[in-house]
Amino acid sequence: QPGGCSGFKYGLLIEDAAAEGDLVVDQGEYRVFVDPFSAQYISGVIIDYTTSMQGSGFTFKNPNATGGCGCGTSFSA
């Protein structure tokens, strides 16, 4: 979604069903819904859940990102 200091930021929501036009990625026990606008920027992204001394949460490794910010929450593409 647009936002963050580098132009785009990642956002996760829990949804019961896909919206019209969403890309649906089936991952066995769960499904990921991606809106058409975001799909072009996150193709090939790896989402992981990590725990460290700084805390725990989801991390994103995006091969399409051309830059990012120091806080790691936004990217440019």
PDB file of N, CA and C in Angstrom:
ATOM      1  N   GLN A   1       0.839  -1.180   0.000  1.00  0.00           N
ATOM      2  CA  GLN A   1       0.000   0.000   0.000  1.00  0.00           C
ATOM      3  C   GLN A   1       0.878   1.235   0.000  1.00  0.00           C
ATOM      4  N   PRO A   2       0.429   2.329  -0.580  1.00  0.00           N
ATOM      5  CA  PRO A   2       1.225   3.548  -0.551  1.00  0.00           C
ATOM      6  C   PRO A   2       1.453   4.015   0.880  1.00  0.00           C
ATOM      7  N   GLY A   3       2.639   4.522   1.145  1.00  0.00           N
ATOM      8  CA  GLY A   3       2.943   5.044   2.472  1.00  0.00           C
ATOM      9  C   GLY A   3       4.371   4.775   2.869  1.00  0.00           C
ATOM     10  N   GLY A   4       4.727   5.176   4.063  1.00  0.00           N
ATOM     11  CA  GLY A   4       6.081   4.982   4.546  1.00  0.00           C
ATOM     12  C   GLY A   4       7.034   5.991   3.937  1.00  0.00           C
ATOM     13  N   CYS A   5       8.226   6.063   4.475  1.00  0.00           N
ATOM     14  CA  CYS A   5       9.189   7.069   4.022  1.00  0.00           C
ATOM     15  C   CYS A   5       9.817   6.724   2.673  1.00  0.00           C
ATOM     16  N   SER A   6       9.672   5.476   2.201  1.00  0.00           N
ATOM     17  CA  SER A   6      10.252   5.097   0.905  1.00  0.00           C
ATOM     18  C   SER A   6       9.218   4.948  -0.202  1.00  0.00           C
ATOM     19  N   GLY A   7       7.950   5.185   0.092  1.00  0.00           N
ATOM     20  CA  GLY A   7       6.930   5.145  -0.948  1.00  0.00           C
ATOM     21  C   GLY A   7       5.846   4.109  -0.751  1.00  0.00           C
ATOM     22  N   PHE A   8       6.222   2.902  -0.319  1.00  0.00           N
ATOM     23  CA  PHE A   8       5.254   1.835  -0.088  1.00  0.00           C
ATOM     24  C   PHE A   8       5.531   1.203   1.263  1.00  0.00           C
ATOM     25  N   LYS A   9       4.466   0.668   1.885  1.00  0.00           N
ATOM     26  CA  LYS A   9       4.664  -0.065   3.132  1.00  0.00           C
ATOM     27  C   LYS A   9       3.849  -1.348   3.088  1.00  0.00           C
ATOM     28  N   TYR A  10       4.324  -2.337   3.816  1.00  0.00           N
ATOM     29  CA  TYR A  10       3.643  -3.619   3.873  1.00  0.00           C
ATOM     30  C   TYR A  10       2.504  -3.538   4.879  1.00  0.00           C
ATOM     31  N   GLY A  11       1.419  -4.243   4.590  1.00  0.00           N
ATOM     32  CA  GLY A  11       0.293  -4.302   5.510  1.00  0.00           C
ATOM     33  C   GLY A  11      -0.361  -5.665   5.432  1.00  0.00           C
ATOM     34  N   LEU A  12      -0.715  -6.199   6.580  1.00  0.00           N
ATOM     35  CA  LEU A  12      -1.383  -7.492   6.648  1.00  0.00           C
ATOM     36  C   LEU A  12      -2.704  -7.331   7.381  1.00  0.00           C
ATOM     37  N   LEU A  13      -3.742  -7.924   6.846  1.00  0.00           N
ATOM     38  CA  LEU A  13      -5.058  -7.928   7.473  1.00  0.00           C
ATOM     39  C   LEU A  13      -5.582  -9.350   7.476  1.00  0.00           C
ATOM     40  N   ILE A  14      -6.376  -9.692   8.468  1.00  0.00           N
ATOM     41  CA  ILE A  14      -7.045 -10.994   8.486  1.00  0.00           C
ATOM     42  C   ILE A  14      -8.397 -10.812   7.803  1.00  0.00           C
ATOM     43  N   GLU A  15      -8.634 -11.591   6.771  1.00  0.00           N
ATOM     44  CA  GLU A  15      -9.865 -11.515   5.990  1.00  0.00           C
ATOM     45  C   GLU A  15     -10.486 -12.900   5.892  1.00  0.00           C
ATOM     46  N   ASP A  16     -11.819 -12.950   5.814  1.00  0.00           N
ATOM     47  CA  ASP A  16     -12.522 -14.226   5.665  1.00  0.00           C
ATOM     48  C   ASP A  16     -12.577 -14.691   4.215  1.00  0.00           C
ATOM     49  N   ALA A  17     -12.607 -13.737   3.294  1.00  0.00           N
ATOM     50  CA  ALA A  17     -12.746 -14.084   1.877  1.00  0.00           C
ATOM     51  C   ALA A  17     -12.035 -13.038   1.026  1.00  0.00           C
ATOM     52  N   ALA A  18     -11.710 -13.442  -0.182  1.00  0.00           N
ATOM     53  CA  ALA A  18     -11.064 -12.529  -1.131  1.00  0.00           C
ATOM     54  C   ALA A  18     -12.075 -11.511  -1.641  1.00  0.00           C
ATOM     55  N   ALA A  19     -11.594 -10.325  -1.930  1.00  0.00           N
ATOM     56  CA  ALA A  19     -12.419  -9.315  -2.590  1.00  0.00           C
ATOM     57  C   ALA A  19     -12.409  -9.601  -4.091  1.00  0.00           C
ATOM     58  N   GLU A  20     -13.361  -9.036  -4.796  1.00  0.00           N
ATOM     59  CA  GLU A  20     -13.423  -9.236  -6.242  1.00  0.00           C
ATOM     60  C   GLU A  20     -12.129  -8.750  -6.887  1.00  0.00           C
ATOM     61  N   GLY A  21     -11.518  -9.596  -7.714  1.00  0.00           N
ATOM     62  CA  GLY A  21     -10.295  -9.249  -8.417  1.00  0.00           C
ATOM     63  C   GLY A  21      -9.014  -9.599  -7.686  1.00  0.00           C
ATOM     64  N   ASP A  22      -9.109 -10.026  -6.411  1.00  0.00           N
ATOM     65  CA  ASP A  22      -7.909 -10.380  -5.650  1.00  0.00           C
ATOM     66  C   ASP A  22      -7.217 -11.610  -6.221  1.00  0.00           C
ATOM     67  N   LEU A  23      -5.899 -11.607  -6.165  1.00  0.00           N
ATOM     68  CA  LEU A  23      -5.101 -12.790  -6.458  1.00  0.00           C
ATOM     69  C   LEU A  23      -5.160 -13.665  -5.209  1.00  0.00           C
ATOM     70  N   VAL A  24      -5.451 -14.960  -5.364  1.00  0.00           N
ATOM     71  CA  VAL A  24      -5.541 -15.870  -4.227  1.00  0.00           C
ATOM     72  C   VAL A  24      -4.389 -16.859  -4.312  1.00  0.00           C
ATOM     73  N   VAL A  25      -3.550 -16.878  -3.267  1.00  0.00           N
ATOM     74  CA  VAL A  25      -2.413 -17.790  -3.193  1.00  0.00           C
ATOM     75  C   VAL A  25      -2.716 -18.804  -2.104  1.00  0.00           C
ATOM     76  N   ASP A  26      -2.880 -20.072  -2.488  1.00  0.00           N
ATOM     77  CA  ASP A  26      -3.207 -21.133  -1.535  1.00  0.00           C
ATOM     78  C   ASP A  26      -1.926 -21.685  -0.935  1.00  0.00           C
ATOM     79  N   GLN A  27      -1.812 -21.622   0.381  1.00  0.00           N
ATOM     80  CA  GLN A  27      -0.622 -22.097   1.088  1.00  0.00           C
ATOM     81  C   GLN A  27      -0.955 -23.264   2.013  1.00  0.00           C
ATOM     82  N   GLY A  28      -1.851 -24.140   1.596  1.00  0.00           N
ATOM     83  CA  GLY A  28      -2.211 -25.301   2.397  1.00  0.00           C
ATOM     84  C   GLY A  28      -3.227 -24.947   3.467  1.00  0.00           C
ATOM     85  N   GLU A  29      -2.757 -24.684   4.688  1.00  0.00           N
ATOM     86  CA  GLU A  29      -3.661 -24.389   5.798  1.00  0.00           C
ATOM     87  C   GLU A  29      -4.238 -22.979   5.741  1.00  0.00           C
ATOM     88  N   TYR A  30      -3.672 -22.124   4.942  1.00  0.00           N
ATOM     89  CA  TYR A  30      -4.169 -20.754   4.855  1.00  0.00           C
ATOM     90  C   TYR A  30      -4.069 -20.255   3.421  1.00  0.00           C
ATOM     91  N   ARG A  31      -4.796 -19.184   3.150  1.00  0.00           N
ATOM     92  CA  ARG A  31      -4.763 -18.551   1.833  1.00  0.00           C
ATOM     93  C   ARG A  31      -4.374 -17.091   2.000  1.00  0.00           C
ATOM     94  N   VAL A  32      -3.646 -16.580   1.031  1.00  0.00           N
ATOM     95  CA  VAL A  32      -3.231 -15.180   1.024  1.00  0.00           C
ATOM     96  C   VAL A  32      -3.977 -14.481  -0.106  1.00  0.00           C
ATOM     97  N   PHE A  33      -4.610 -13.352   0.216  1.00  0.00           N
ATOM     98  CA  PHE A  33      -5.326 -12.555  -0.775  1.00  0.00           C
ATOM     99  C   PHE A  33      -4.514 -11.293  -1.058  1.00  0.00           C
ATOM    100  N   VAL A  34      -4.289 -11.017  -2.326  1.00  0.00           N
ATOM    101  CA  VAL A  34      -3.505  -9.842  -2.721  1.00  0.00           C
ATOM    102  C   VAL A  34      -4.329  -9.022  -3.706  1.00  0.00           C
ATOM    103  N   ASP A  35      -4.495  -7.735  -3.399  1.00  0.00           N
ATOM    104  CA  ASP A  35      -5.260  -6.884  -4.308  1.00  0.00           C
ATOM    105  C   ASP A  35      -4.450  -6.647  -5.586  1.00  0.00           C
ATOM    106  N   PRO A  36      -5.132  -6.377  -6.704  1.00  0.00           N
ATOM    107  CA  PRO A  36      -4.441  -6.232  -7.991  1.00  0.00           C
ATOM    108  C   PRO A  36      -3.362  -5.148  -8.004  1.00  0.00           C
ATOM    109  N   PHE A  37      -3.567  -4.023  -7.321  1.00  0.00           N
ATOM    110  CA  PHE A  37      -2.566  -2.955  -7.297  1.00  0.00           C
ATOM    111  C   PHE A  37      -1.286  -3.436  -6.630  1.00  0.00           C
ATOM    112  N   SER A  38      -1.405  -4.124  -5.506  1.00  0.00           N
ATOM    113  CA  SER A  38      -0.229  -4.566  -4.746  1.00  0.00           C
ATOM    114  C   SER A  38       0.505  -5.719  -5.409  1.00  0.00           C
ATOM    115  N   ALA A  39      -0.215  -6.556  -6.153  1.00  0.00           N
ATOM    116  CA  ALA A  39       0.388  -7.759  -6.735  1.00  0.00           C
ATOM    117  C   ALA A  39       1.606  -7.442  -7.594  1.00  0.00           C
ATOM    118  N   GLN A  40       1.578  -6.340  -8.322  1.00  0.00           N
ATOM    119  CA  GLN A  40       2.698  -5.990  -9.201  1.00  0.00           C
ATOM    120  C   GLN A  40       3.974  -5.678  -8.424  1.00  0.00           C
ATOM    121  N   TYR A  41       3.847  -5.298  -7.156  1.00  0.00           N
ATOM    122  CA  TYR A  41       5.008  -4.915  -6.361  1.00  0.00           C
ATOM    123  C   TYR A  41       5.529  -6.020  -5.454  1.00  0.00           C
ATOM    124  N   ILE A  42       4.736  -7.069  -5.262  1.00  0.00           N
ATOM    125  CA  ILE A  42       5.176  -8.099  -4.315  1.00  0.00           C
ATOM    126  C   ILE A  42       5.336  -9.483  -4.940  1.00  0.00           C
ATOM    127  N   SER A  43       5.390  -9.563  -6.246  1.00  0.00           N
ATOM    128  CA  SER A  43       5.634 -10.840  -6.901  1.00  0.00           C
ATOM    129  C   SER A  43       6.986 -11.389  -6.450  1.00  0.00           C
ATOM    130  N   GLY A  44       6.996 -12.592  -5.923  1.00  0.00           N
ATOM    131  CA  GLY A  44       8.236 -13.217  -5.469  1.00  0.00           C
ATOM    132  C   GLY A  44       8.627 -12.892  -4.042  1.00  0.00           C
ATOM    133  N   VAL A  45       7.824 -12.092  -3.342  1.00  0.00           N
ATOM    134  CA  VAL A  45       8.167 -11.725  -1.964  1.00  0.00           C
ATOM    135  C   VAL A  45       8.109 -12.956  -1.047  1.00  0.00           C
ATOM    136  N   ILE A  46       9.014 -13.003  -0.089  1.00  0.00           N
ATOM    137  CA  ILE A  46       9.023 -14.063   0.924  1.00  0.00           C
ATOM    138  C   ILE A  46       8.608 -13.432   2.243  1.00  0.00           C
ATOM    139  N   ILE A  47       7.529 -13.962   2.838  1.00  0.00           N
ATOM    140  CA  ILE A  47       7.041 -13.479   4.129  1.00  0.00           C
ATOM    141  C   ILE A  47       7.409 -14.516   5.176  1.00  0.00           C
ATOM    142  N   ASP A  48       8.012 -14.054   6.264  1.00  0.00           N
ATOM    143  CA  ASP A  48       8.429 -14.955   7.343  1.00  0.00           C
ATOM    144  C   ASP A  48       8.038 -14.326   8.674  1.00  0.00           C
ATOM    145  N   TYR A  49       7.898 -15.153   9.688  1.00  0.00           N
ATOM    146  CA  TYR A  49       7.649 -14.669  11.047  1.00  0.00           C
ATOM    147  C   TYR A  49       8.906 -14.935  11.850  1.00  0.00           C
ATOM    148  N   THR A  50       9.484 -13.902  12.421  1.00  0.00           N
ATOM    149  CA  THR A  50      10.737 -14.055  13.149  1.00  0.00           C
ATOM    150  C   THR A  50      10.602 -13.532  14.574  1.00  0.00           C
ATOM    151  N   THR A  51      11.451 -14.072  15.439  1.00  0.00           N
ATOM    152  CA  THR A  51      11.535 -13.626  16.824  1.00  0.00           C
ATOM    153  C   THR A  51      12.986 -13.293  17.115  1.00  0.00           C
ATOM    154  N   SER A  52      13.211 -12.109  17.679  1.00  0.00           N
ATOM    155  CA  SER A  52      14.567 -11.687  18.015  1.00  0.00           C
ATOM    156  C   SER A  52      14.521 -10.899  19.322  1.00  0.00           C
ATOM    157  N   MET A  53      15.665 -10.402  19.747  1.00  0.00           N
ATOM    158  CA  MET A  53      15.722  -9.615  20.971  1.00  0.00           C
ATOM    159  C   MET A  53      14.964  -8.292  20.818  1.00  0.00           C
ATOM    160  N   GLN A  54      14.804  -7.824  19.584  1.00  0.00           N
ATOM    161  CA  GLN A  54      14.068  -6.587  19.336  1.00  0.00           C
ATOM    162  C   GLN A  54      12.559  -6.804  19.308  1.00  0.00           C
ATOM    163  N   GLY A  55      12.130  -8.051  19.262  1.00  0.00           N
ATOM    164  CA  GLY A  55      10.708  -8.366  19.217  1.00  0.00           C
ATOM    165  C   GLY A  55      10.419  -9.438  18.188  1.00  0.00           C
ATOM    166  N   SER A  56       9.157  -9.650  17.923  1.00  0.00           N
ATOM    167  CA  SER A  56       8.762 -10.652  16.943  1.00  0.00           C
ATOM    168  C   SER A  56       7.746 -10.041  15.986  1.00  0.00           C
ATOM    169  N   GLY A  57       7.684 -10.604  14.793  1.00  0.00           N
ATOM    170  CA  GLY A  57       6.741 -10.120  13.797  1.00  0.00           C
ATOM    171  C   GLY A  57       7.084 -10.630  12.415  1.00  0.00           C
ATOM    172  N   PHE A  58       6.300 -10.209  11.466  1.00  0.00           N
ATOM    173  CA  PHE A  58       6.496 -10.626  10.082  1.00  0.00           C
ATOM    174  C   PHE A  58       7.615  -9.818   9.433  1.00  0.00           C
ATOM    175  N   THR A  59       8.409 -10.496   8.614  1.00  0.00           N
ATOM    176  CA  THR A  59       9.443  -9.843   7.820  1.00  0.00           C
ATOM    177  C   THR A  59       9.150 -10.116   6.347  1.00  0.00           C
ATOM    178  N   PHE A  60       9.598  -9.208   5.500  1.00  0.00           N
ATOM    179  CA  PHE A  60       9.350  -9.302   4.065  1.00  0.00           C
ATOM    180  C   PHE A  60      10.673  -9.198   3.331  1.00  0.00           C
ATOM    181  N   LYS A  61      10.939 -10.172   2.457  1.00  0.00           N
ATOM    182  CA  LYS A  61      12.106 -10.123   1.578  1.00  0.00           C
ATOM    183  C   LYS A  61      11.561  -9.971   0.170  1.00  0.00           C
ATOM    184  N   ASN A  62      11.732  -8.781  -0.399  1.00  0.00           N
ATOM    185  CA  ASN A  62      11.114  -8.444  -1.669  1.00  0.00           C
ATOM    186  C   ASN A  62      12.174  -8.241  -2.750  1.00  0.00           C
ATOM    187  N   PRO A  63      12.233  -9.148  -3.742  1.00  0.00           N
ATOM    188  CA  PRO A  63      13.224  -9.000  -4.814  1.00  0.00           C
ATOM    189  C   PRO A  63      12.931  -7.811  -5.732  1.00  0.00           C
ATOM    190  N   ASN A  64      11.733  -7.243  -5.652  1.00  0.00           N
ATOM    191  CA  ASN A  64      11.355  -6.113  -6.501  1.00  0.00           C
ATOM    192  C   ASN A  64      11.705  -4.766  -5.882  1.00  0.00           C
ATOM    193  N   ALA A  65      12.051  -4.750  -4.610  1.00  0.00           N
ATOM    194  CA  ALA A  65      12.346  -3.488  -3.929  1.00  0.00           C
ATOM    195  C   ALA A  65      13.654  -2.908  -4.453  1.00  0.00           C
ATOM    196  N   THR A  66      13.611  -1.647  -4.817  1.00  0.00           N
ATOM    197  CA  THR A  66      14.819  -0.972  -5.304  1.00  0.00           C
ATOM    198  C   THR A  66      15.468  -0.143  -4.211  1.00  0.00           C
ATOM    199  N   GLY A  67      14.813  -0.036  -3.085  1.00  0.00           N
ATOM    200  CA  GLY A  67      15.348   0.710  -1.953  1.00  0.00           C
ATOM    201  C   GLY A  67      14.455   0.521  -0.754  1.00  0.00           C
ATOM    202  N   GLY A  68      14.908   0.986   0.386  1.00  0.00           N
ATOM    203  CA  GLY A  68      14.129   0.869   1.605  1.00  0.00           C
ATOM    204  C   GLY A  68      14.548   1.927   2.596  1.00  0.00           C
ATOM    205  N   CYS A  69      13.885   1.933   3.722  1.00  0.00           N
ATOM    206  CA  CYS A  69      14.216   2.908   4.760  1.00  0.00           C
ATOM    207  C   CYS A  69      14.967   2.206   5.888  1.00  0.00           C
ATOM    208  N   GLY A  70      15.537   2.972   6.769  1.00  0.00           N
ATOM    209  CA  GLY A  70      16.303   2.416   7.870  1.00  0.00           C
ATOM    210  C   GLY A  70      15.477   1.591   8.832  1.00  0.00           C
ATOM    211  N   CYS A  71      14.194   1.920   8.972  1.00  0.00           N
ATOM    212  CA  CYS A  71      13.363   1.185   9.923  1.00  0.00           C
ATOM    213  C   CYS A  71      12.888  -0.147   9.353  1.00  0.00           C
ATOM    214  N   GLY A  72      13.002  -0.347   8.035  1.00  0.00           N
ATOM    215  CA  GLY A  72      12.634  -1.615   7.417  1.00  0.00           C
ATOM    216  C   GLY A  72      11.152  -1.812   7.179  1.00  0.00           C
ATOM    217  N   THR A  73      10.331  -0.786   7.384  1.00  0.00           N
ATOM    218  CA  THR A  73       8.895  -0.964   7.209  1.00  0.00           C
ATOM    219  C   THR A  73       8.367  -0.453   5.878  1.00  0.00           C
ATOM    220  N   SER A  74       9.198   0.203   5.087  1.00  0.00           N
ATOM    221  CA  SER A  74       8.725   0.654   3.781  1.00  0.00           C
ATOM    222  C   SER A  74       9.797   0.409   2.725  1.00  0.00           C
ATOM    223  N   PHE A  75       9.363   0.464   1.456  1.00  0.00           N
ATOM    224  CA  PHE A  75      10.281   0.180   0.355  1.00  0.00           C
ATOM    225  C   PHE A  75       9.909   1.009  -0.856  1.00  0.00           C
ATOM    226  N   SER A  76      10.823   1.089  -1.793  1.00  0.00           N
ATOM    227  CA  SER A  76      10.541   1.715  -3.083  1.00  0.00           C
ATOM    228  C   SER A  76      10.678   0.652  -4.160  1.00  0.00           C
ATOM    229  N   ALA A  77       9.921   0.827  -5.239  1.00  0.00           N
ATOM    230  CA  ALA A  77       9.956  -0.156  -6.326  1.00  0.00           C
ATOM    231  C   ALA A  77       9.913   0.555  -7.662  1.00  0.00           C
TER     232      ALA A  77
END
